[in-house]
Amino acid sequence: MEPHFWHDRWQRQQIGFHQAQINPLLVKHWSALKVDAGAVFVPLCGKTLDLHYFVQQGHPVLGNEFNTLAVEQFFAESGLTPDITPAAELTQYQAQQYRLLLGDFFALTPAQLADCRAFYDRGALVALPEQMRQRYAQHLSKIIPTGCKGLAVLLDYPQEQLDGPAFAVSPAWLNTYLGDAFTIEQIASYDVLAENGKFVQNGVSWLNENVFVLTRK
């Protein structure tokens, strides 16, 4: 799935993946990380309202997004006017406690994430097809600081029954591609098939939303 697919979705505003509220599983499980201070990194953040939750908890936010419209809409809809400056191969948009790096995730460096004490993934891993997801996992392992804790909210279902996105990301996949760099703990699992009509209509037999805590070794 190439970037133009997502650029087209944003241009057409076909963004069903964007939630109109802060993710309730984030609110329910964020405390499991026991992170009291420091910035939170949110990869492929779009214009998610979840960014506001972290600021409400006292955390500066560092987001990464490759679509300009998504970044501009986030600040406009938040009533903020960002300062825009170069940041190596990316462009930084910053206002108050929000700092979004516009550009390629694979251009992010460890230095840019050095102050992060936590990270959050609801929509990154599940947005990527297999080969790109493996590459994403490798780069994430390189840029996340040692000791940094992450909360991942991921979907899992029989991938052969429905093409993504959202793609299935199983506990076994996480252990295979992130287990060398992260300690992985599954802390919750929810049967969410009944509330996801697309999956029901396409005959998907089961759909779980799983919550993990990942700690960089």
N, C-alpha and C. Protein backbone atom coordinates (compact mmCIF):
# COMPACT_ATOMS: atom_id res chain seq x y z
N MET A 1 0.85 -1.19 0.00
CA MET A 1 0.00 0.00 0.00
C MET A 1 0.88 1.23 0.00
N GLU A 2 0.90 1.94 -1.10
CA GLU A 2 1.79 3.08 -1.27
C GLU A 2 1.17 4.34 -0.65
N PRO A 3 2.02 5.35 -0.36
CA PRO A 3 1.51 6.58 0.25
C PRO A 3 0.37 7.23 -0.53
N HIS A 4 0.39 7.09 -1.88
CA HIS A 4 -0.66 7.76 -2.65
C HIS A 4 -2.05 7.24 -2.29
N PHE A 5 -2.15 6.01 -1.82
CA PHE A 5 -3.44 5.46 -1.39
C PHE A 5 -4.00 6.31 -0.25
N TRP A 6 -3.15 6.61 0.75
CA TRP A 6 -3.61 7.37 1.90
C TRP A 6 -3.77 8.85 1.55
N HIS A 7 -2.89 9.37 0.68
CA HIS A 7 -3.07 10.76 0.25
C HIS A 7 -4.43 10.93 -0.44
N ASP A 8 -4.80 9.95 -1.24
CA ASP A 8 -6.09 10.01 -1.93
C ASP A 8 -7.24 9.95 -0.94
N ARG A 9 -7.10 9.08 0.08
CA ARG A 9 -8.16 8.99 1.10
C ARG A 9 -8.34 10.33 1.82
N TRP A 10 -7.23 10.97 2.16
CA TRP A 10 -7.33 12.27 2.84
C TRP A 10 -7.90 13.33 1.90
N GLN A 11 -7.49 13.32 0.65
CA GLN A 11 -7.98 14.32 -0.30
C GLN A 11 -9.49 14.19 -0.49
N ARG A 12 -9.97 12.95 -0.52
CA ARG A 12 -11.40 12.70 -0.68
C ARG A 12 -12.15 12.72 0.65
N GLN A 13 -11.39 12.88 1.74
CA GLN A 13 -11.94 12.84 3.09
C GLN A 13 -12.66 11.51 3.36
N GLN A 14 -12.12 10.45 2.80
CA GLN A 14 -12.60 9.10 3.08
C GLN A 14 -11.78 8.56 4.24
N ILE A 15 -12.06 9.08 5.43
CA ILE A 15 -11.22 8.80 6.59
C ILE A 15 -12.06 8.16 7.70
N GLY A 16 -12.66 7.03 7.35
CA GLY A 16 -13.46 6.30 8.33
C GLY A 16 -12.65 5.81 9.50
N PHE A 17 -11.33 5.74 9.32
CA PHE A 17 -10.45 5.32 10.41
C PHE A 17 -10.31 6.40 11.48
N HIS A 18 -10.68 7.64 11.14
CA HIS A 18 -10.57 8.74 12.10
C HIS A 18 -11.74 8.67 13.08
N GLN A 19 -11.44 8.60 14.36
CA GLN A 19 -12.49 8.52 15.38
C GLN A 19 -12.88 9.92 15.84
N ALA A 20 -14.16 10.10 16.07
CA ALA A 20 -14.68 11.41 16.47
C ALA A 20 -14.60 11.64 17.96
N GLN A 21 -13.92 10.74 18.65
CA GLN A 21 -13.73 10.89 20.09
C GLN A 21 -12.38 10.28 20.47
N ILE A 22 -11.92 10.59 21.66
CA ILE A 22 -10.71 9.96 22.17
C ILE A 22 -10.98 8.47 22.35
N ASN A 23 -10.05 7.65 21.94
CA ASN A 23 -10.24 6.19 21.99
C ASN A 23 -10.48 5.74 23.44
N PRO A 24 -11.62 5.10 23.71
CA PRO A 24 -11.92 4.69 25.09
C PRO A 24 -10.92 3.66 25.64
N LEU A 25 -10.32 2.85 24.77
CA LEU A 25 -9.33 1.88 25.25
C LEU A 25 -8.03 2.58 25.66
N LEU A 26 -7.73 3.70 25.02
CA LEU A 26 -6.59 4.50 25.47
C LEU A 26 -6.84 5.02 26.88
N VAL A 27 -8.01 5.59 27.08
CA VAL A 27 -8.36 6.14 28.40
C VAL A 27 -8.34 5.03 29.46
N LYS A 28 -8.84 3.86 29.10
CA LYS A 28 -8.95 2.76 30.06
C LYS A 28 -7.60 2.17 30.43
N HIS A 29 -6.68 2.11 29.46
CA HIS A 29 -5.46 1.33 29.68
C HIS A 29 -4.17 2.15 29.76
N TRP A 30 -4.23 3.45 29.52
CA TRP A 30 -3.00 4.23 29.52
C TRP A 30 -2.25 4.14 30.84
N SER A 31 -2.98 4.07 31.94
CA SER A 31 -2.34 4.04 33.26
C SER A 31 -1.48 2.80 33.46
N ALA A 32 -1.69 1.75 32.66
CA ALA A 32 -0.89 0.54 32.79
C ALA A 32 0.58 0.79 32.49
N LEU A 33 0.89 1.86 31.74
CA LEU A 33 2.28 2.15 31.42
C LEU A 33 3.03 2.77 32.59
N LYS A 34 2.28 3.41 33.50
CA LYS A 34 2.90 4.06 34.67
C LYS A 34 3.96 5.07 34.24
N VAL A 35 3.61 5.89 33.25
CA VAL A 35 4.51 6.95 32.77
C VAL A 35 4.01 8.28 33.33
N ASP A 36 4.81 8.90 34.17
CA ASP A 36 4.37 10.12 34.84
C ASP A 36 4.78 11.40 34.11
N ALA A 37 5.85 11.35 33.31
CA ALA A 37 6.36 12.56 32.67
C ALA A 37 6.98 12.19 31.33
N GLY A 38 7.31 13.23 30.56
CA GLY A 38 7.99 13.01 29.30
C GLY A 38 7.03 13.03 28.12
N ALA A 39 7.61 13.18 26.93
CA ALA A 39 6.82 13.27 25.71
C ALA A 39 6.31 11.91 25.27
N VAL A 40 5.18 11.93 24.55
CA VAL A 40 4.58 10.73 23.99
C VAL A 40 4.69 10.81 22.47
N PHE A 41 5.23 9.75 21.86
CA PHE A 41 5.36 9.68 20.41
C PHE A 41 4.17 8.92 19.82
N VAL A 42 3.55 9.51 18.78
CA VAL A 42 2.40 8.89 18.12
C VAL A 42 2.70 8.80 16.62
N PRO A 43 3.10 7.63 16.11
CA PRO A 43 3.40 7.49 14.69
C PRO A 43 2.14 7.41 13.84
N LEU A 44 2.24 7.92 12.62
CA LEU A 44 1.12 7.92 11.67
C LEU A 44 -0.15 8.43 12.35
N CYS A 45 -0.04 9.61 12.94
CA CYS A 45 -1.07 10.08 13.88
C CYS A 45 -2.31 10.66 13.20
N GLY A 46 -2.22 11.01 11.90
CA GLY A 46 -3.37 11.65 11.29
C GLY A 46 -3.74 12.92 12.04
N LYS A 47 -5.01 13.08 12.31
CA LYS A 47 -5.47 14.21 13.13
C LYS A 47 -6.20 13.69 14.37
N THR A 48 -5.74 12.55 14.88
CA THR A 48 -6.44 11.89 15.97
C THR A 48 -6.63 12.78 17.20
N LEU A 49 -7.79 12.70 17.78
CA LEU A 49 -8.08 13.42 19.02
C LEU A 49 -7.34 12.83 20.21
N ASP A 50 -6.78 11.63 20.02
CA ASP A 50 -6.01 11.02 21.10
C ASP A 50 -4.82 11.89 21.51
N LEU A 51 -4.33 12.72 20.59
CA LEU A 51 -3.23 13.61 20.94
C LEU A 51 -3.63 14.54 22.08
N HIS A 52 -4.89 14.95 22.11
CA HIS A 52 -5.35 15.85 23.17
C HIS A 52 -5.35 15.14 24.53
N TYR A 53 -5.62 13.84 24.52
CA TYR A 53 -5.63 13.10 25.78
C TYR A 53 -4.27 13.17 26.46
N PHE A 54 -3.21 12.98 25.68
CA PHE A 54 -1.87 13.00 26.28
C PHE A 54 -1.54 14.36 26.87
N VAL A 55 -1.90 15.42 26.17
CA VAL A 55 -1.66 16.76 26.69
C VAL A 55 -2.48 16.99 27.96
N GLN A 56 -3.70 16.49 27.98
CA GLN A 56 -4.52 16.59 29.19
C GLN A 56 -3.88 15.87 30.37
N GLN A 57 -3.11 14.82 30.09
CA GLN A 57 -2.42 14.08 31.14
C GLN A 57 -1.07 14.69 31.51
N GLY A 58 -0.72 15.80 30.86
CA GLY A 58 0.52 16.50 31.16
C GLY A 58 1.71 16.12 30.31
N HIS A 59 1.46 15.39 29.20
CA HIS A 59 2.55 14.95 28.33
C HIS A 59 2.62 15.81 27.07
N PRO A 60 3.79 16.36 26.74
CA PRO A 60 3.96 16.92 25.39
C PRO A 60 3.80 15.81 24.36
N VAL A 61 3.35 16.16 23.17
CA VAL A 61 3.10 15.19 22.12
C VAL A 61 4.07 15.38 20.97
N LEU A 62 4.63 14.28 20.49
CA LEU A 62 5.41 14.26 19.26
C LEU A 62 4.72 13.30 18.30
N GLY A 63 4.10 13.84 17.26
CA GLY A 63 3.42 13.01 16.29
C GLY A 63 4.18 12.98 14.98
N ASN A 64 3.93 11.94 14.20
CA ASN A 64 4.48 11.86 12.85
C ASN A 64 3.34 11.52 11.89
N GLU A 65 3.26 12.27 10.80
CA GLU A 65 2.23 12.06 9.80
C GLU A 65 2.79 12.50 8.45
N PHE A 66 2.48 11.74 7.39
CA PHE A 66 3.05 12.08 6.09
C PHE A 66 2.09 12.85 5.19
N ASN A 67 0.86 13.04 5.64
CA ASN A 67 -0.11 13.77 4.81
C ASN A 67 -0.28 15.19 5.34
N THR A 68 0.01 16.16 4.48
CA THR A 68 -0.04 17.56 4.88
C THR A 68 -1.43 17.98 5.33
N LEU A 69 -2.45 17.54 4.62
CA LEU A 69 -3.83 17.92 4.94
C LEU A 69 -4.21 17.46 6.34
N ALA A 70 -3.79 16.26 6.73
CA ALA A 70 -4.10 15.75 8.06
C ALA A 70 -3.50 16.64 9.14
N VAL A 71 -2.24 17.03 8.95
CA VAL A 71 -1.56 17.89 9.94
C VAL A 71 -2.23 19.25 10.01
N GLU A 72 -2.52 19.83 8.85
CA GLU A 72 -3.15 21.16 8.82
C GLU A 72 -4.53 21.12 9.46
N GLN A 73 -5.29 20.06 9.20
CA GLN A 73 -6.62 19.95 9.79
C GLN A 73 -6.54 19.77 11.29
N PHE A 74 -5.54 19.03 11.77
CA PHE A 74 -5.42 18.85 13.22
C PHE A 74 -5.27 20.20 13.92
N PHE A 75 -4.36 21.02 13.44
CA PHE A 75 -4.14 22.30 14.11
C PHE A 75 -5.33 23.24 13.92
N ALA A 76 -5.90 23.26 12.72
CA ALA A 76 -7.05 24.14 12.48
C ALA A 76 -8.23 23.76 13.36
N GLU A 77 -8.51 22.47 13.45
CA GLU A 77 -9.65 22.00 14.24
C GLU A 77 -9.39 22.11 15.74
N SER A 78 -8.10 22.25 16.11
CA SER A 78 -7.74 22.45 17.52
C SER A 78 -7.67 23.92 17.89
N GLY A 79 -7.90 24.79 16.90
CA GLY A 79 -7.84 26.23 17.16
C GLY A 79 -6.43 26.73 17.40
N LEU A 80 -5.44 26.08 16.79
CA LEU A 80 -4.04 26.41 17.01
C LEU A 80 -3.38 26.82 15.69
N THR A 81 -2.46 27.78 15.78
CA THR A 81 -1.67 28.19 14.62
C THR A 81 -0.23 27.75 14.85
N PRO A 82 0.24 26.76 14.12
CA PRO A 82 1.57 26.23 14.41
C PRO A 82 2.69 27.06 13.79
N ASP A 83 3.85 27.03 14.44
CA ASP A 83 5.08 27.49 13.81
C ASP A 83 5.59 26.35 12.94
N ILE A 84 6.02 26.67 11.72
CA ILE A 84 6.45 25.64 10.77
C ILE A 84 7.93 25.85 10.46
N THR A 85 8.74 24.83 10.75
CA THR A 85 10.19 24.93 10.56
C THR A 85 10.73 23.62 10.00
N PRO A 86 11.89 23.67 9.31
CA PRO A 86 12.51 22.43 8.85
C PRO A 86 13.00 21.59 10.03
N ALA A 87 12.96 20.26 9.85
CA ALA A 87 13.46 19.33 10.87
C ALA A 87 14.13 18.17 10.15
N ALA A 88 15.40 18.39 9.77
CA ALA A 88 16.14 17.42 8.97
C ALA A 88 15.36 17.14 7.68
N GLU A 89 14.97 15.89 7.44
CA GLU A 89 14.25 15.55 6.21
C GLU A 89 12.74 15.76 6.34
N LEU A 90 12.30 16.23 7.50
CA LEU A 90 10.87 16.43 7.73
C LEU A 90 10.58 17.91 7.97
N THR A 91 9.31 18.22 8.17
CA THR A 91 8.89 19.59 8.48
C THR A 91 8.16 19.58 9.82
N GLN A 92 8.57 20.43 10.72
CA GLN A 92 7.98 20.47 12.05
C GLN A 92 6.89 21.52 12.15
N TYR A 93 5.73 21.08 12.66
CA TYR A 93 4.62 21.96 13.00
C TYR A 93 4.49 21.95 14.52
N GLN A 94 4.59 23.11 15.15
CA GLN A 94 4.55 23.13 16.61
C GLN A 94 3.68 24.27 17.11
N ALA A 95 2.82 23.93 18.10
CA ALA A 95 2.01 24.91 18.81
C ALA A 95 1.75 24.36 20.20
N GLN A 96 2.04 25.17 21.21
CA GLN A 96 1.86 24.75 22.60
C GLN A 96 2.56 23.41 22.84
N GLN A 97 1.84 22.42 23.31
CA GLN A 97 2.45 21.13 23.66
C GLN A 97 2.42 20.13 22.50
N TYR A 98 2.04 20.59 21.33
CA TYR A 98 1.89 19.70 20.18
C TYR A 98 3.02 19.95 19.18
N ARG A 99 3.73 18.88 18.84
CA ARG A 99 4.79 18.96 17.82
C ARG A 99 4.59 17.81 16.86
N LEU A 100 4.24 18.12 15.63
CA LEU A 100 4.03 17.10 14.61
C LEU A 100 5.11 17.22 13.54
N LEU A 101 5.73 16.08 13.23
CA LEU A 101 6.74 16.03 12.19
C LEU A 101 6.10 15.49 10.92
N LEU A 102 5.99 16.36 9.92
CA LEU A 102 5.37 16.00 8.65
C LEU A 102 6.42 15.38 7.74
N GLY A 103 6.15 14.15 7.29
CA GLY A 103 7.08 13.50 6.38
C GLY A 103 7.14 12.00 6.62
N ASP A 104 8.10 11.38 5.96
CA ASP A 104 8.25 9.94 5.93
C ASP A 104 8.66 9.39 7.30
N PHE A 105 7.89 8.44 7.80
CA PHE A 105 8.23 7.79 9.07
C PHE A 105 9.65 7.24 9.06
N PHE A 106 10.08 6.73 7.92
CA PHE A 106 11.39 6.10 7.83
C PHE A 106 12.53 7.12 7.82
N ALA A 107 12.19 8.40 7.79
CA ALA A 107 13.20 9.45 7.91
C ALA A 107 13.40 9.91 9.34
N LEU A 108 12.56 9.44 10.27
CA LEU A 108 12.72 9.79 11.68
C LEU A 108 14.03 9.23 12.23
N THR A 109 14.66 9.99 13.13
CA THR A 109 15.93 9.58 13.71
C THR A 109 15.79 9.37 15.22
N PRO A 110 16.69 8.58 15.82
CA PRO A 110 16.67 8.43 17.28
C PRO A 110 16.78 9.76 18.01
N ALA A 111 17.54 10.69 17.47
CA ALA A 111 17.71 11.99 18.13
C ALA A 111 16.38 12.73 18.25
N GLN A 112 15.52 12.60 17.26
CA GLN A 112 14.23 13.29 17.29
C GLN A 112 13.28 12.72 18.33
N LEU A 113 13.52 11.46 18.74
CA LEU A 113 12.67 10.82 19.74
C LEU A 113 13.36 10.68 21.09
N ALA A 114 14.50 11.31 21.26
CA ALA A 114 15.31 11.10 22.46
C ALA A 114 14.58 11.47 23.74
N ASP A 115 13.67 12.46 23.68
CA ASP A 115 12.97 12.91 24.88
C ASP A 115 11.68 12.14 25.14
N CYS A 116 11.33 11.21 24.27
CA CYS A 116 10.08 10.47 24.44
C CYS A 116 10.22 9.40 25.53
N ARG A 117 9.22 9.34 26.37
CA ARG A 117 9.20 8.34 27.43
C ARG A 117 8.08 7.32 27.21
N ALA A 118 7.27 7.57 26.18
CA ALA A 118 6.17 6.65 25.88
C ALA A 118 5.80 6.81 24.41
N PHE A 119 5.10 5.79 23.89
CA PHE A 119 4.57 5.89 22.54
C PHE A 119 3.23 5.17 22.48
N TYR A 120 2.48 5.46 21.43
CA TYR A 120 1.11 4.96 21.32
C TYR A 120 0.81 4.61 19.88
N ASP A 121 0.26 3.42 19.67
CA ASP A 121 -0.08 2.97 18.32
C ASP A 121 -1.49 2.40 18.31
N ARG A 122 -2.41 3.15 17.69
CA ARG A 122 -3.73 2.60 17.43
C ARG A 122 -3.92 2.35 15.95
N GLY A 123 -3.27 3.17 15.09
CA GLY A 123 -3.57 3.09 13.68
C GLY A 123 -2.40 2.88 12.76
N ALA A 124 -1.19 2.71 13.30
CA ALA A 124 -0.02 2.60 12.43
C ALA A 124 0.19 1.18 11.92
N LEU A 125 0.40 0.24 12.82
CA LEU A 125 0.66 -1.14 12.41
C LEU A 125 -0.47 -1.71 11.56
N VAL A 126 -1.71 -1.43 11.94
CA VAL A 126 -2.84 -2.03 11.22
C VAL A 126 -3.06 -1.36 9.86
N ALA A 127 -2.42 -0.22 9.63
CA ALA A 127 -2.59 0.48 8.35
C ALA A 127 -1.64 -0.05 7.28
N LEU A 128 -0.67 -0.87 7.68
CA LEU A 128 0.41 -1.24 6.76
C LEU A 128 0.31 -2.70 6.33
N PRO A 129 0.46 -2.98 5.04
CA PRO A 129 0.53 -4.37 4.57
C PRO A 129 1.81 -5.03 5.04
N GLU A 130 1.90 -6.34 4.87
CA GLU A 130 2.90 -7.15 5.55
C GLU A 130 4.34 -6.66 5.37
N GLN A 131 4.81 -6.51 4.16
CA GLN A 131 6.22 -6.15 3.95
C GLN A 131 6.54 -4.77 4.53
N MET A 132 5.66 -3.82 4.32
CA MET A 132 5.89 -2.49 4.87
C MET A 132 5.80 -2.51 6.39
N ARG A 133 4.92 -3.35 6.93
CA ARG A 133 4.79 -3.45 8.39
C ARG A 133 6.07 -4.01 9.02
N GLN A 134 6.68 -4.99 8.36
CA GLN A 134 7.94 -5.52 8.87
C GLN A 134 9.02 -4.45 8.87
N ARG A 135 9.07 -3.67 7.79
CA ARG A 135 10.06 -2.59 7.72
C ARG A 135 9.78 -1.54 8.79
N TYR A 136 8.50 -1.25 9.00
CA TYR A 136 8.10 -0.31 10.05
C TYR A 136 8.59 -0.79 11.42
N ALA A 137 8.39 -2.08 11.70
CA ALA A 137 8.81 -2.64 12.98
C ALA A 137 10.31 -2.51 13.18
N GLN A 138 11.07 -2.73 12.14
CA GLN A 138 12.52 -2.61 12.22
C GLN A 138 12.93 -1.17 12.54
N HIS A 139 12.29 -0.22 11.87
CA HIS A 139 12.67 1.19 12.10
C HIS A 139 12.20 1.66 13.46
N LEU A 140 11.02 1.24 13.88
CA LEU A 140 10.54 1.60 15.21
C LEU A 140 11.52 1.14 16.27
N SER A 141 12.06 -0.07 16.11
CA SER A 141 13.01 -0.61 17.06
C SER A 141 14.28 0.24 17.13
N LYS A 142 14.63 0.88 16.02
CA LYS A 142 15.85 1.69 15.97
C LYS A 142 15.68 3.05 16.63
N ILE A 143 14.48 3.62 16.55
CA ILE A 143 14.32 5.02 16.97
C ILE A 143 13.72 5.18 18.37
N ILE A 144 13.11 4.14 18.90
CA ILE A 144 12.51 4.24 20.24
C ILE A 144 13.61 4.12 21.30
N PRO A 145 13.69 5.05 22.26
CA PRO A 145 14.75 5.00 23.27
C PRO A 145 14.59 3.81 24.22
N THR A 146 15.69 3.34 24.74
CA THR A 146 15.67 2.26 25.73
C THR A 146 14.83 2.67 26.93
N GLY A 147 13.99 1.76 27.39
CA GLY A 147 13.13 2.03 28.54
C GLY A 147 11.80 2.68 28.21
N CYS A 148 11.65 3.16 26.99
CA CYS A 148 10.40 3.80 26.56
C CYS A 148 9.28 2.75 26.50
N LYS A 149 8.10 3.11 27.00
CA LYS A 149 6.97 2.19 27.06
C LYS A 149 5.90 2.60 26.05
N GLY A 150 5.31 1.60 25.43
CA GLY A 150 4.29 1.87 24.44
C GLY A 150 2.99 1.15 24.72
N LEU A 151 1.88 1.78 24.31
CA LEU A 151 0.57 1.15 24.35
C LEU A 151 0.13 0.93 22.91
N ALA A 152 -0.16 -0.31 22.56
CA ALA A 152 -0.60 -0.65 21.20
C ALA A 152 -1.99 -1.25 21.26
N VAL A 153 -2.91 -0.69 20.48
CA VAL A 153 -4.28 -1.19 20.37
C VAL A 153 -4.45 -1.70 18.94
N LEU A 154 -4.53 -3.02 18.77
CA LEU A 154 -4.41 -3.64 17.46
C LEU A 154 -5.58 -4.58 17.18
N LEU A 155 -5.94 -4.67 15.91
CA LEU A 155 -6.98 -5.60 15.48
C LEU A 155 -6.36 -6.92 15.04
N ASP A 156 -7.07 -8.01 15.31
CA ASP A 156 -6.65 -9.34 14.84
C ASP A 156 -7.88 -10.09 14.36
N TYR A 157 -7.76 -10.71 13.19
CA TYR A 157 -8.85 -11.48 12.59
C TYR A 157 -8.24 -12.37 11.51
N PRO A 158 -8.98 -13.31 10.96
CA PRO A 158 -8.44 -14.15 9.88
C PRO A 158 -8.21 -13.32 8.62
N GLN A 159 -6.95 -12.97 8.36
CA GLN A 159 -6.64 -12.05 7.26
C GLN A 159 -7.13 -12.56 5.91
N GLU A 160 -7.16 -13.88 5.75
CA GLU A 160 -7.58 -14.44 4.47
C GLU A 160 -9.06 -14.21 4.19
N GLN A 161 -9.83 -13.81 5.21
CA GLN A 161 -11.26 -13.60 5.03
C GLN A 161 -11.60 -12.18 4.57
N LEU A 162 -10.64 -11.26 4.65
CA LEU A 162 -10.91 -9.87 4.26
C LEU A 162 -9.59 -9.14 4.02
N ASP A 163 -9.51 -8.44 2.91
CA ASP A 163 -8.33 -7.62 2.65
C ASP A 163 -8.35 -6.38 3.54
N GLY A 164 -7.18 -5.97 3.99
CA GLY A 164 -7.07 -4.72 4.72
C GLY A 164 -6.94 -3.54 3.76
N PRO A 165 -6.78 -2.35 4.31
CA PRO A 165 -6.75 -2.03 5.74
C PRO A 165 -8.16 -1.98 6.33
N ALA A 166 -8.28 -2.14 7.65
CA ALA A 166 -7.22 -2.38 8.61
C ALA A 166 -6.74 -3.83 8.51
N PHE A 167 -5.40 -4.01 8.63
CA PHE A 167 -4.81 -5.33 8.54
C PHE A 167 -4.77 -5.99 9.92
N ALA A 168 -4.74 -7.31 9.89
CA ALA A 168 -4.65 -8.08 11.13
C ALA A 168 -3.22 -8.07 11.64
N VAL A 169 -3.07 -7.82 12.93
CA VAL A 169 -1.76 -7.89 13.59
C VAL A 169 -1.93 -8.76 14.83
N SER A 170 -1.41 -9.97 14.77
CA SER A 170 -1.63 -10.95 15.83
C SER A 170 -0.56 -10.83 16.92
N PRO A 171 -0.82 -11.38 18.11
CA PRO A 171 0.23 -11.44 19.13
C PRO A 171 1.47 -12.16 18.64
N ALA A 172 1.29 -13.21 17.84
CA ALA A 172 2.44 -13.94 17.31
C ALA A 172 3.27 -13.05 16.39
N TRP A 173 2.60 -12.22 15.58
CA TRP A 173 3.33 -11.31 14.70
C TRP A 173 4.17 -10.33 15.52
N LEU A 174 3.57 -9.76 16.55
CA LEU A 174 4.31 -8.83 17.40
C LEU A 174 5.55 -9.47 17.97
N ASN A 175 5.40 -10.68 18.49
CA ASN A 175 6.55 -11.36 19.10
C ASN A 175 7.63 -11.66 18.07
N THR A 176 7.22 -11.99 16.86
CA THR A 176 8.19 -12.32 15.81
C THR A 176 8.99 -11.10 15.38
N TYR A 177 8.32 -9.97 15.18
CA TYR A 177 8.98 -8.82 14.56
C TYR A 177 9.37 -7.71 15.53
N LEU A 178 8.84 -7.74 16.75
CA LEU A 178 9.22 -6.74 17.75
C LEU A 178 9.78 -7.37 19.02
N GLY A 179 9.70 -8.69 19.12
CA GLY A 179 10.10 -9.35 20.36
C GLY A 179 11.57 -9.23 20.70
N ASP A 180 12.44 -9.10 19.71
CA ASP A 180 13.87 -8.95 20.00
C ASP A 180 14.18 -7.60 20.64
N ALA A 181 13.41 -6.58 20.29
CA ALA A 181 13.70 -5.24 20.77
C ALA A 181 12.81 -4.80 21.93
N PHE A 182 11.65 -5.45 22.08
CA PHE A 182 10.69 -5.02 23.08
C PHE A 182 10.25 -6.19 23.95
N THR A 183 9.99 -5.90 25.21
CA THR A 183 9.22 -6.81 26.06
C THR A 183 7.75 -6.56 25.76
N ILE A 184 7.01 -7.61 25.46
CA ILE A 184 5.62 -7.47 25.01
C ILE A 184 4.69 -8.17 25.99
N GLU A 185 3.70 -7.44 26.47
CA GLU A 185 2.70 -7.98 27.40
C GLU A 185 1.31 -7.65 26.89
N GLN A 186 0.50 -8.67 26.64
CA GLN A 186 -0.89 -8.42 26.27
C GLN A 186 -1.70 -8.24 27.54
N ILE A 187 -2.40 -7.10 27.65
CA ILE A 187 -3.10 -6.80 28.89
C ILE A 187 -4.62 -6.86 28.75
N ALA A 188 -5.13 -6.96 27.51
CA ALA A 188 -6.58 -7.04 27.34
C ALA A 188 -6.90 -7.53 25.94
N SER A 189 -8.10 -8.12 25.79
CA SER A 189 -8.60 -8.54 24.48
C SER A 189 -10.11 -8.41 24.49
N TYR A 190 -10.65 -7.84 23.41
CA TYR A 190 -12.08 -7.59 23.32
C TYR A 190 -12.62 -8.15 22.01
N ASP A 191 -13.76 -8.83 22.09
CA ASP A 191 -14.48 -9.30 20.90
C ASP A 191 -15.28 -8.12 20.37
N VAL A 192 -14.87 -7.60 19.20
CA VAL A 192 -15.52 -6.39 18.66
C VAL A 192 -16.18 -6.64 17.31
N LEU A 193 -16.42 -7.92 16.98
CA LEU A 193 -17.00 -8.23 15.68
C LEU A 193 -18.37 -7.59 15.50
N ALA A 194 -19.24 -7.71 16.50
CA ALA A 194 -20.62 -7.26 16.36
C ALA A 194 -20.73 -5.76 16.08
N GLU A 195 -19.75 -4.99 16.51
CA GLU A 195 -19.82 -3.54 16.33
C GLU A 195 -19.07 -3.04 15.11
N ASN A 196 -18.61 -3.95 14.27
CA ASN A 196 -17.88 -3.58 13.06
C ASN A 196 -18.56 -4.20 11.84
N GLY A 197 -19.53 -3.44 11.29
CA GLY A 197 -20.37 -3.96 10.22
C GLY A 197 -19.63 -4.41 8.99
N LYS A 198 -18.54 -3.72 8.64
CA LYS A 198 -17.76 -4.11 7.46
C LYS A 198 -17.29 -5.55 7.57
N PHE A 199 -16.84 -5.93 8.75
CA PHE A 199 -16.33 -7.29 8.95
C PHE A 199 -17.46 -8.29 8.96
N VAL A 200 -18.58 -7.94 9.58
CA VAL A 200 -19.74 -8.83 9.61
C VAL A 200 -20.25 -9.07 8.20
N GLN A 201 -20.40 -8.01 7.42
CA GLN A 201 -20.95 -8.10 6.06
C GLN A 201 -20.06 -8.92 5.14
N ASN A 202 -18.75 -8.95 5.43
CA ASN A 202 -17.83 -9.71 4.60
C ASN A 202 -17.56 -11.12 5.14
N GLY A 203 -18.36 -11.53 6.12
CA GLY A 203 -18.28 -12.91 6.61
C GLY A 203 -17.08 -13.24 7.45
N VAL A 204 -16.45 -12.23 8.04
CA VAL A 204 -15.31 -12.49 8.93
C VAL A 204 -15.82 -13.22 10.18
N SER A 205 -15.15 -14.30 10.54
CA SER A 205 -15.67 -15.18 11.59
C SER A 205 -15.38 -14.68 13.00
N TRP A 206 -14.31 -13.90 13.17
CA TRP A 206 -14.04 -13.32 14.48
C TRP A 206 -13.15 -12.09 14.32
N LEU A 207 -13.25 -11.18 15.27
CA LEU A 207 -12.49 -9.94 15.25
C LEU A 207 -12.21 -9.53 16.69
N ASN A 208 -10.95 -9.47 17.03
CA ASN A 208 -10.55 -9.08 18.37
C ASN A 208 -9.76 -7.78 18.33
N GLU A 209 -9.98 -6.94 19.32
CA GLU A 209 -9.16 -5.75 19.53
C GLU A 209 -8.31 -6.01 20.76
N ASN A 210 -7.01 -6.11 20.55
CA ASN A 210 -6.07 -6.50 21.60
C ASN A 210 -5.24 -5.30 22.04
N VAL A 211 -4.94 -5.27 23.32
CA VAL A 211 -4.17 -4.17 23.91
C VAL A 211 -2.87 -4.74 24.47
N PHE A 212 -1.76 -4.08 24.10
CA PHE A 212 -0.44 -4.54 24.52
C PHE A 212 0.35 -3.39 25.15
N VAL A 213 1.21 -3.77 26.09
CA VAL A 213 2.24 -2.86 26.59
C VAL A 213 3.58 -3.35 26.05
N LEU A 214 4.29 -2.46 25.36
CA LEU A 214 5.59 -2.77 24.79
C LEU A 214 6.65 -1.91 25.47
N THR A 215 7.71 -2.53 25.97
CA THR A 215 8.78 -1.80 26.64
C THR A 215 10.08 -2.04 25.89
N ARG A 216 10.70 -0.95 25.45
CA ARG A 216 11.96 -1.07 24.70
C ARG A 216 13.07 -1.58 25.63
N LYS A 217 13.69 -2.67 25.23
CA LYS A 217 14.75 -3.29 26.03
C LYS A 217 16.00 -2.42 26.03
